[in-house]
C-alpha cells in the first residue's frame, strides 16, 4: 500500500469511518500476523495478538501522529503485545510447541527451522524480539530500536548477546548429540 493511500485511510478512520480502517486491516494483516507468529510460535497466540493489535490501533488511532509512519506504529503495538504475552506466560517453552504436529517428519529444512525455534525460545523476550525483527523481518537496527523504544546501541548489544547465547546453546546440543 502506498504511503499516501495509507495516510488517507488513517485520516478517514480517525474520523470514524470503519470501512477505511477495515482496508488498513486488510493491507497490514499479513505482516502483523507473521510478526506475532514468529515471536510467539503458536498460531492461537498469534491470532490473539493479531486481533488485539487492531483493536488497540482502532482504540488509540486518535493518538497516532498525522504524517507518522503507520506501519511502524502498528508494528510497535504488535511487538509490545507479543513481549507482554511472553512475559505473562513466563515460560518460554510455549515457543517450542511446533506449528506443525510433532508426529510429522521434518525434512532437512524443517529440522533447521525447528532448531531455530528452539534456540529462539531459550532467549529472553527482548533478545527474541530484536532477533525476529532484525533477522527474520529484515529491519535495520534503527527500525528495531524505534519499534522496541530502545537506543540503537542497546539493540546491537541485545543482538550480540542473542547470537552468543544461540551459539552456546547450539554447541551444547551438538556436544550432547556426540555422547
Protein backbone atom coordinates (compact mmCIF):
# COMPACT_ATOMS: atom_id res chain seq x y z
CA UNK A 1 0.00 0.00 0.00
CA UNK A 2 1.31 3.41 -0.95
CA UNK A 3 2.17 5.75 1.94
CA UNK A 4 -0.21 8.40 0.62
CA UNK A 5 -3.06 5.88 0.43
CA UNK A 6 -2.34 4.66 3.96
CA UNK A 7 -2.22 8.23 5.25
CA UNK A 8 -5.55 9.00 3.61
CA UNK A 9 -7.15 5.86 5.07
CA UNK A 10 -5.77 6.65 8.52
CA UNK A 11 -7.27 10.13 8.38
CA UNK A 12 -10.63 8.73 7.28
CA UNK A 13 -10.53 6.12 10.03
CA UNK A 14 -9.69 8.79 12.61
CA UNK A 15 -12.94 10.46 11.62
CA UNK A 16 -14.75 7.24 12.50
CA UNK A 17 -15.01 5.61 9.07
CA UNK A 18 -14.84 1.90 9.80
CA UNK A 19 -14.56 0.96 6.12
CA UNK A 20 -11.28 2.87 5.90
CA UNK A 21 -9.94 1.09 8.96
CA UNK A 22 -11.02 -2.27 7.51
CA UNK A 23 -8.96 -1.50 4.40
CA UNK A 24 -5.98 -0.76 6.63
CA UNK A 25 -6.53 -4.05 8.43
CA UNK A 26 -6.62 -5.94 5.14
CA UNK A 27 -3.46 -4.24 3.94
CA UNK A 28 -1.46 -4.82 7.13
CA UNK A 29 -2.91 -8.07 8.43
CA UNK A 30 -0.27 -10.28 6.82
CA UNK A 31 2.74 -8.65 8.39
CA UNK A 32 1.10 -8.30 11.83
CA UNK A 33 0.16 -11.98 11.92
CA UNK A 34 3.56 -13.06 10.58
CA UNK A 35 5.40 -10.98 13.18
CA UNK A 36 3.26 -12.37 16.01
CA UNK A 37 3.65 -15.95 14.83
CA UNK A 38 7.42 -15.61 14.58
CA UNK A 39 7.70 -14.09 18.02
CA UNK A 40 5.24 -16.35 19.80
CA UNK A 41 5.46 -19.57 17.83
CA UNK A 42 1.85 -20.62 18.35
CA UNK A 43 -0.97 -19.87 15.98
CA UNK A 44 -3.50 -19.34 18.76
CA UNK A 45 -1.28 -16.77 20.48
CA UNK A 46 -0.50 -15.08 17.16
CA UNK A 47 -4.21 -14.82 16.36
CA UNK A 48 -4.90 -13.28 19.77
CA UNK A 49 -2.13 -10.72 19.33
CA UNK A 50 -3.30 -10.05 15.78
CA UNK A 51 -6.80 -9.22 16.98
CA UNK A 52 -5.59 -7.21 19.98
CA UNK A 53 -3.22 -5.22 17.77
CA UNK A 54 -6.03 -3.99 15.55
CA UNK A 55 -8.37 -3.42 18.50
CA UNK A 56 -5.76 -1.21 20.12
CA UNK A 57 -4.97 0.52 16.86
CA UNK A 58 -8.64 1.41 16.45
CA UNK A 59 -8.99 2.46 20.07
CA UNK A 60 -5.87 4.66 20.07
CA UNK A 61 -5.99 5.88 16.48
CA UNK A 62 -6.52 9.41 17.75
CA UNK A 63 -3.09 9.27 19.40
CA UNK A 64 -1.39 8.39 16.11
CA UNK A 65 0.50 11.43 14.88
CA UNK A 66 -0.66 12.68 11.49
CA UNK A 67 2.02 12.15 8.90
CA UNK A 68 3.66 9.46 11.01
CA UNK A 69 4.61 6.01 9.80
CA UNK A 70 1.50 3.88 10.33
CA UNK A 71 3.38 0.66 9.59
CA UNK A 72 5.95 1.42 12.27
CA UNK A 73 3.25 2.40 14.78
CA UNK A 74 1.28 -0.79 14.13
CA UNK A 75 4.43 -2.92 14.33
CA UNK A 76 5.30 -1.35 17.68
CA UNK A 77 1.84 -2.21 19.03
CA UNK A 78 2.13 -5.82 17.84
CA UNK A 79 5.69 -6.22 19.15
CA UNK A 80 4.79 -4.83 22.56
CA UNK A 81 1.79 -7.13 22.78
CA UNK A 82 3.99 -10.11 21.92
CA UNK A 83 6.54 -9.16 24.56
CA UNK A 84 3.77 -8.69 27.12
CA UNK A 85 2.35 -12.11 26.27
CA UNK A 86 5.77 -13.75 26.58
CA UNK A 87 6.35 -12.11 29.93
CA UNK A 88 2.89 -13.10 31.15
CA UNK A 89 3.42 -16.73 30.27
CA UNK A 90 6.82 -16.74 31.98
CA UNK A 91 7.53 -19.97 30.26
CA UNK A 92 9.41 -19.73 27.09
CA UNK A 93 8.68 -23.34 26.31
CA UNK A 94 5.47 -22.24 24.58
CA UNK A 95 7.59 -21.33 21.59
CA UNK A 96 8.72 -24.95 21.35
CA UNK A 97 5.25 -26.16 20.53
CA UNK A 98 5.60 -26.72 16.84
CA UNK A 99 3.40 -25.02 14.34
CA UNK A 100 3.11 -28.44 12.74
CA UNK A 101 2.11 -31.59 14.67
CA UNK A 102 5.01 -33.45 16.31
CA UNK A 103 4.33 -36.70 14.51
CA UNK A 104 5.06 -35.14 11.11
CA UNK A 105 8.51 -35.94 9.77
CA UNK A 106 10.66 -32.91 9.08
CA UNK A 107 12.91 -32.77 6.10
CA UNK A 108 16.32 -31.13 6.45
CA UNK A 109 14.85 -27.60 6.16
CA UNK A 110 12.20 -28.41 8.72
CA UNK A 111 14.83 -29.67 11.14
CA UNK A 112 16.77 -26.43 10.84
CA UNK A 113 13.59 -24.42 11.30
CA UNK A 114 12.69 -26.40 14.42
CA UNK A 115 16.19 -25.93 15.79
CA UNK A 116 15.93 -22.19 15.17
CA UNK A 117 12.60 -22.14 17.05
CA UNK A 118 14.20 -23.95 19.98
CA UNK A 119 17.16 -21.59 20.05
CA UNK A 120 14.87 -18.56 19.89
CA UNK A 121 12.73 -20.00 22.68
CA UNK A 122 15.69 -20.01 25.02
CA UNK A 123 16.26 -16.27 24.58
CA UNK A 124 14.80 -13.59 26.85
CA UNK A 125 11.81 -11.81 25.31
CA UNK A 126 13.69 -8.60 24.47
CA UNK A 127 16.51 -10.52 22.72
CA UNK A 128 13.97 -12.61 20.83
CA UNK A 129 12.09 -9.52 19.67
CA UNK A 130 15.31 -7.94 18.43
CA UNK A 131 16.37 -11.12 16.59
CA UNK A 132 12.97 -11.61 14.96
CA UNK A 133 12.72 -8.00 13.81
CA UNK A 134 16.34 -7.74 12.64
CA UNK A 135 16.95 -11.13 11.04
CA UNK A 136 13.54 -12.54 10.18
CA UNK A 137 11.72 -9.29 9.38
CA UNK A 138 14.87 -7.81 7.79
CA UNK A 139 14.66 -4.49 9.65
CA UNK A 140 17.57 -2.15 10.29
CA UNK A 141 18.98 -1.66 13.77
CA UNK A 142 17.43 1.80 13.80
CA UNK A 143 13.98 0.43 12.92
CA UNK A 144 14.28 -2.25 15.58
CA UNK A 145 15.35 0.38 18.12
CA UNK A 146 12.34 2.58 17.30
CA UNK A 147 9.97 -0.37 17.46
CA UNK A 148 11.30 -1.54 20.83
CA UNK A 149 11.76 2.02 22.13
CA UNK A 150 15.45 1.46 22.77
CA UNK A 151 18.69 3.08 21.66
CA UNK A 152 20.39 1.52 18.62
CA UNK A 153 23.38 0.65 20.81
CA UNK A 154 21.14 -1.33 23.15
CA UNK A 155 19.68 -3.26 20.21
CA UNK A 156 23.19 -4.05 18.95
CA UNK A 157 24.13 -5.37 22.39
CA UNK A 158 20.95 -7.49 22.52
CA UNK A 159 21.68 -8.91 19.06
CA UNK A 160 25.28 -9.68 20.04
CA UNK A 161 24.22 -11.39 23.26
CA UNK A 162 21.42 -13.26 21.50
CA UNK A 163 23.86 -14.60 18.90
CA UNK A 164 26.26 -15.63 21.66
CA UNK A 165 23.51 -17.42 23.60
CA UNK A 166 22.24 -19.16 20.49
CA UNK A 167 25.77 -20.22 19.53
CA UNK A 168 26.45 -21.60 23.02
CA UNK A 169 23.14 -23.48 23.01
CA UNK A 170 23.86 -24.89 19.56
CA UNK A 171 27.32 -26.03 20.63
CA UNK A 172 25.83 -27.67 23.74
CA UNK A 173 23.26 -29.51 21.60
CA UNK A 174 26.00 -30.69 19.21
CA UNK A 175 28.10 -31.90 22.15
CA UNK A 176 25.03 -33.66 23.58
CA UNK A 177 24.45 -35.45 20.27
CA UNK A 178 28.07 -36.68 20.22
CA UNK A 179 27.61 -38.53 23.52
